[in-house]
Amino acid sequence: MENKKEERYLTFALCKGRLANKTLELLEQIGITCEEMRDKDSRKLIFVNEEQRLKFFLSKGPDVPTYVEYGAADIGVVGADVVMEENRRVYEVLDLGFGKCRMCVCGPETAGELLKHHERIRVATKYPLIAKEYFFNKKHQTVDIIKLNGSVELGPIVGLSDVIVDIVETGGTLRENGLGVLEEVCPLSARMIVNPVSMRMEYERINGLIHRLKEICE
């Protein structure tokens, strides 16, 4: 008789866009597919692979750890920046190695001196938690953090802040606006996160999945 536990669906929450596409490519390499997701015109919100008992859904990055923490998804794939900023009760189990970029402190050259001398400065960012952790706990520098939702590069340009903390890929936008990388906070990439209860209940399936992915990520 088939193991009843095996009948449960494992649900993946994927970050919309490039990360989701990359994740699906990676999963295909270990034999996990979802034909329904190939239909770009589909209005479905949940995609199912009946045979492998898997479900997938797409969401905005910051929501992925929320779905995973509350058990609406067993597994999530999202950028390390989101995992750090959302600070949810989830297990980070794997660095998938794609979506690489850096979280940096950026600003005009003159702001380098303010950073060096640990002066009280204003920092504009979409990532207040990451900025606070970096300045308060790593650098032991007192700063005023201003949360922005849009183009943070504007912060130093219009005089709202001295520096920004933001994701840097190529640095092109910074250079175009007379800004540069002053300090690196941490490297970033796509991470796989797991709900702690799911990890316990479905240990064999999830751990097997992690090991198979690990082999192709290394």
Protein backbone atom coordinates (compact mmCIF):
# COMPACT_ATOMS: atom_id res chain seq x y z
CA MET A 1 0.00 0.00 0.00
CA GLU A 2 1.32 3.46 -0.92
CA ASN A 3 2.65 5.53 1.93
CA LYS A 4 -0.09 8.03 2.85
CA LYS A 5 2.50 10.67 3.73
CA GLU A 6 3.77 10.59 0.15
CA GLU A 7 0.38 11.73 -1.11
CA ARG A 8 0.83 15.23 0.28
CA TYR A 9 1.74 17.95 -2.20
CA LEU A 10 4.94 19.91 -1.72
CA THR A 11 4.31 23.56 -2.54
CA PHE A 12 6.91 25.95 -3.96
CA ALA A 13 6.64 29.76 -3.79
CA LEU A 14 8.81 31.30 -6.50
CA CYS A 15 9.82 34.93 -6.91
CA LYS A 16 8.27 36.31 -10.13
CA GLY A 17 10.54 37.04 -13.07
CA ARG A 18 14.12 35.97 -13.72
CA LEU A 19 14.53 34.08 -10.44
CA ALA A 20 11.46 31.92 -11.13
CA ASN A 21 12.66 31.11 -14.66
CA LYS A 22 16.14 30.21 -13.42
CA THR A 23 14.67 28.07 -10.61
CA LEU A 24 12.48 26.14 -13.03
CA GLU A 25 15.50 25.53 -15.31
CA LEU A 26 17.41 24.20 -12.32
CA LEU A 27 14.54 21.96 -11.19
CA GLU A 28 14.26 20.56 -14.72
CA GLN A 29 17.87 19.41 -14.45
CA ILE A 30 16.86 17.13 -11.56
CA GLY A 31 13.73 15.89 -13.30
CA ILE A 32 11.17 18.22 -11.74
CA THR A 33 8.94 19.87 -14.31
CA CYS A 34 5.68 21.76 -14.41
CA GLU A 35 4.18 21.81 -17.91
CA GLU A 36 1.39 24.18 -16.83
CA MET A 37 3.96 26.91 -16.15
CA ARG A 38 5.19 26.86 -19.75
CA ASP A 39 1.94 28.47 -20.88
CA LYS A 40 2.81 32.15 -20.66
CA ASP A 41 -0.81 33.19 -21.29
CA SER A 42 -2.19 31.14 -18.43
CA ARG A 43 -4.13 33.10 -15.81
CA LYS A 44 -3.78 30.32 -13.28
CA LEU A 45 -2.37 31.24 -9.89
CA ILE A 46 -1.41 27.71 -8.83
CA PHE A 47 0.38 25.28 -11.13
CA VAL A 48 0.31 21.56 -10.41
CA ASN A 49 2.39 18.54 -11.30
CA GLU A 50 0.00 15.72 -10.33
CA GLU A 51 2.46 12.93 -11.01
CA GLN A 52 5.19 14.27 -8.73
CA ARG A 53 2.71 15.75 -6.23
CA LEU A 54 4.08 19.27 -6.52
CA LYS A 55 2.45 22.68 -6.62
CA PHE A 56 4.01 25.98 -7.66
CA PHE A 57 2.92 29.59 -7.41
CA LEU A 58 4.55 32.91 -8.25
CA SER A 59 4.62 35.88 -5.92
CA LYS A 60 6.41 39.16 -5.30
CA GLY A 61 9.82 38.63 -3.73
CA PRO A 62 9.11 40.06 -0.24
CA ASP A 63 6.03 37.82 0.09
CA VAL A 64 7.90 34.54 -0.52
CA PRO A 65 9.35 34.24 3.03
CA THR A 66 5.90 35.11 4.45
CA TYR A 67 4.23 32.26 2.54
CA VAL A 68 6.99 29.90 3.71
CA GLU A 69 6.93 31.00 7.35
CA TYR A 70 3.17 30.46 7.62
CA GLY A 71 3.27 27.11 5.81
CA ALA A 72 1.30 28.23 2.73
CA ALA A 73 4.42 27.10 0.86
CA ASP A 74 6.84 24.40 2.01
CA ILE A 75 9.73 25.72 -0.06
CA GLY A 76 10.57 29.17 -1.41
CA VAL A 77 13.20 30.59 -3.75
CA VAL A 78 14.10 34.25 -3.38
CA GLY A 79 17.09 36.60 -3.24
CA ALA A 80 19.27 36.64 -0.10
CA ASP A 81 18.44 40.36 0.30
CA VAL A 82 14.76 39.47 0.81
CA VAL A 83 15.57 36.65 3.25
CA MET A 84 17.69 39.06 5.32
CA GLU A 85 15.30 42.00 5.17
CA GLU A 86 12.10 40.06 5.86
CA ASN A 87 13.77 38.13 8.72
CA ARG A 88 11.08 35.43 8.81
CA ARG A 89 11.17 32.16 10.76
CA VAL A 90 12.40 29.96 7.91
CA TYR A 91 15.38 27.68 7.27
CA GLU A 92 17.79 28.91 4.61
CA VAL A 93 18.99 25.61 3.17
CA LEU A 94 20.79 26.32 -0.08
CA ASP A 95 22.63 28.99 -2.04
CA LEU A 96 21.49 28.34 -5.62
CA GLY A 97 24.36 30.38 -7.05
CA PHE A 98 22.44 32.46 -9.60
CA GLY A 99 21.09 36.02 -9.38
CA LYS A 100 24.48 37.13 -8.08
CA CYS A 101 24.95 40.75 -7.06
CA ARG A 102 26.10 42.75 -4.01
CA MET A 103 24.50 44.82 -1.29
CA CYS A 104 26.60 47.98 -1.02
CA VAL A 105 26.88 51.37 0.59
CA CYS A 106 26.99 53.84 -2.30
CA GLY A 107 27.27 57.58 -2.66
CA PRO A 108 29.42 60.43 -3.97
CA GLU A 109 33.16 60.15 -3.39
CA THR A 110 33.03 62.83 -0.70
CA ALA A 111 30.82 60.59 1.46
CA GLY A 112 33.74 58.13 1.76
CA GLU A 113 35.31 60.40 4.38
CA LEU A 114 32.11 60.45 6.45
CA LEU A 115 32.10 56.66 6.48
CA LYS A 116 35.78 56.48 7.40
CA HIS A 117 35.39 58.79 10.38
CA HIS A 118 32.20 57.14 11.64
CA GLU A 119 30.29 60.40 11.45
CA ARG A 120 26.53 60.46 11.97
CA ILE A 121 25.08 60.31 8.49
CA ARG A 122 21.74 59.80 6.76
CA VAL A 123 21.25 56.57 4.84
CA ALA A 124 18.45 56.10 2.29
CA THR A 125 17.48 52.51 1.48
CA LYS A 126 14.78 50.01 0.58
CA TYR A 127 16.44 47.71 3.12
CA PRO A 128 16.30 49.39 6.55
CA LEU A 129 16.90 46.14 8.46
CA ILE A 130 20.01 45.23 6.46
CA ALA A 131 21.32 48.81 6.71
CA LYS A 132 20.72 48.90 10.47
CA GLU A 133 22.45 45.54 11.00
CA TYR A 134 25.46 46.70 8.98
CA PHE A 135 25.95 50.15 10.48
CA PHE A 136 24.91 49.46 14.07
CA ASN A 137 26.25 45.95 14.60
CA LYS A 138 29.14 45.60 12.16
CA LYS A 139 30.49 49.14 11.92
CA HIS A 140 29.21 50.47 15.24
CA GLN A 141 28.33 53.72 13.50
CA THR A 142 25.25 55.73 14.42
CA VAL A 143 23.20 56.62 11.35
CA ASP A 144 19.73 57.89 10.54
CA ILE A 145 18.00 55.44 8.24
CA ILE A 146 15.41 56.72 5.77
CA LYS A 147 13.18 54.11 4.12
CA LEU A 148 12.49 54.68 0.41
CA ASN A 149 10.50 52.53 -1.99
CA GLY A 150 11.56 53.95 -5.34
CA SER A 151 14.89 54.94 -6.92
CA VAL A 152 17.15 55.26 -3.89
CA GLU A 153 19.91 56.77 -6.07
CA LEU A 154 17.95 60.01 -5.83
CA GLY A 155 18.68 60.20 -2.09
CA PRO A 156 22.20 61.71 -2.27
CA ILE A 157 21.47 63.59 -5.51
CA VAL A 158 18.62 65.66 -4.03
CA GLY A 159 20.24 65.97 -0.60
CA LEU A 160 17.90 63.62 1.27
CA SER A 161 20.76 61.38 2.38
CA ASP A 162 24.54 61.19 2.43
CA VAL A 163 24.68 57.62 1.17
CA ILE A 164 22.40 54.76 0.11
CA VAL A 165 22.38 51.04 0.83
CA ASP A 166 21.23 49.17 -2.24
CA ILE A 167 21.78 46.21 -4.56
CA VAL A 168 24.52 46.67 -7.14
CA GLU A 169 24.78 44.50 -10.25
CA THR A 170 26.92 46.35 -12.79
CA GLY A 171 27.07 49.78 -11.13
CA GLY A 172 26.00 51.49 -14.39
CA THR A 173 23.13 53.48 -12.86
CA LEU A 174 25.41 54.67 -10.05
CA ARG A 175 28.12 55.87 -12.45
CA GLU A 176 25.60 57.67 -14.64
CA ASN A 177 24.50 59.64 -11.60
CA GLY A 178 27.93 60.46 -10.21
CA LEU A 179 27.79 57.85 -7.47
CA GLY A 180 29.96 54.85 -6.72
CA VAL A 181 30.35 51.87 -4.40
CA LEU A 182 31.96 52.98 -1.13
CA GLU A 183 31.67 49.79 0.94
CA GLU A 184 30.39 46.27 0.35
CA VAL A 185 27.82 45.02 2.86
CA CYS A 186 27.52 41.43 1.59
CA PRO A 187 27.34 39.28 -1.55
CA LEU A 188 23.87 38.20 -2.67
CA SER A 189 22.35 35.36 -4.71
CA ALA A 190 19.19 33.26 -4.91
CA ARG A 191 18.49 31.16 -1.82
CA MET A 192 16.20 28.23 -1.13
CA ILE A 193 14.21 28.51 2.09
CA VAL A 194 12.07 25.90 3.84
CA ASN A 195 9.27 25.99 6.40
CA PRO A 196 10.60 24.42 9.66
CA VAL A 197 7.51 22.22 10.17
CA SER A 198 7.62 21.01 6.55
CA MET A 199 11.29 20.19 7.00
CA ARG A 200 10.42 17.97 9.93
CA MET A 201 7.30 16.35 8.41
CA GLU A 202 8.68 15.87 4.90
CA TYR A 203 12.36 15.52 5.77
CA GLU A 204 13.18 12.75 3.31
CA ARG A 205 11.58 14.39 0.29
CA ILE A 206 12.89 17.90 1.00
CA ASN A 207 16.36 16.74 2.01
CA GLY A 208 16.57 14.57 -1.10
CA LEU A 209 15.63 17.57 -3.21
CA ILE A 210 18.27 19.75 -1.53
CA HIS A 211 20.99 17.14 -2.10
CA ARG A 212 20.13 16.73 -5.78
CA LEU A 213 20.18 20.50 -6.28
CA LYS A 214 23.42 20.82 -4.34
CA GLU A 215 25.14 18.45 -6.77
CA ILE A 216 24.33 20.64 -9.77
CA CYS A 217 24.87 23.97 -7.98
CA GLU A 218 28.43 23.21 -6.88
